Amino acid sequence: MPRLTLRHLLLLLPLIGSWGCSSAHRFNTFSSELHPDQDPARLAWLSVPEELEVAMVDGREPDITGLISGDIDLAFLPGEHEVTFAYVQLLRSQYSEVHTTVRSNPITLRVDFAAGGRYRLEYPRQSELVAAQQFAKEPKVWVEDLNGGERQQHYVDAVSHQGLLTEPRERLRFWWGQADKATREAFLDWASHYNETVKP
């Protein structure tokens, strides 16, 4: 068996790097059953950074399953759509080893997708905890057209947006989708005890 030398390892580094840079996870935002003949070449693709968690598309929870790490790509039918998401980032304070999760309130953007278009959600990157906390209070996010370079930044006012995230049920659905398993179990346990205390 040939011996693996340092030179061989150095030659393998570009290949190892390419394995780690696999394409983003891809999901449809529409029902394939309702659109079985949709031409993939006519779909619009939105790339979403890991720090922007998508909660709803056109008022419905998207079918994003599995343990996702890294960016995701969402496929849209051409036309106008509304994407609701939150800025979420785990950062460590420069004065402590403790990590803190920074989370914004829901943000909704109205985006006009062209057939075959490539788009990306963009925002000013934050690397420090204090700056991220300030950013989360009033996040500025936009959609970059990777084909033409144009920027779309049409925020939807939650108050006038047909009740999206203004109704208690919609807010609960949003935060349920953001919660991890332990948080969901703790909430169900609280809800069970709460129902017992309010029984007539």
Foldseek 3Di string as FASTA:
>chain_A
DDDCDPVNVVVCVVVVVVVVPDDAAEFEQDDCVVVVPDDLQFKEKEKEFPQKAWQDKQLHGGPDDDDHDGIYIYTHHAAKIKTKTKGWDWADAPVDPDIDIAIADIWIFIDGTGTNWYKYKDFPDDHHDVVSNVCRDPPFIWIATPVPRDIGGHTDDCVPPPVQCVDPVNVVSRVVVVDDPVVVVVVVVVVVVVVVVPDD
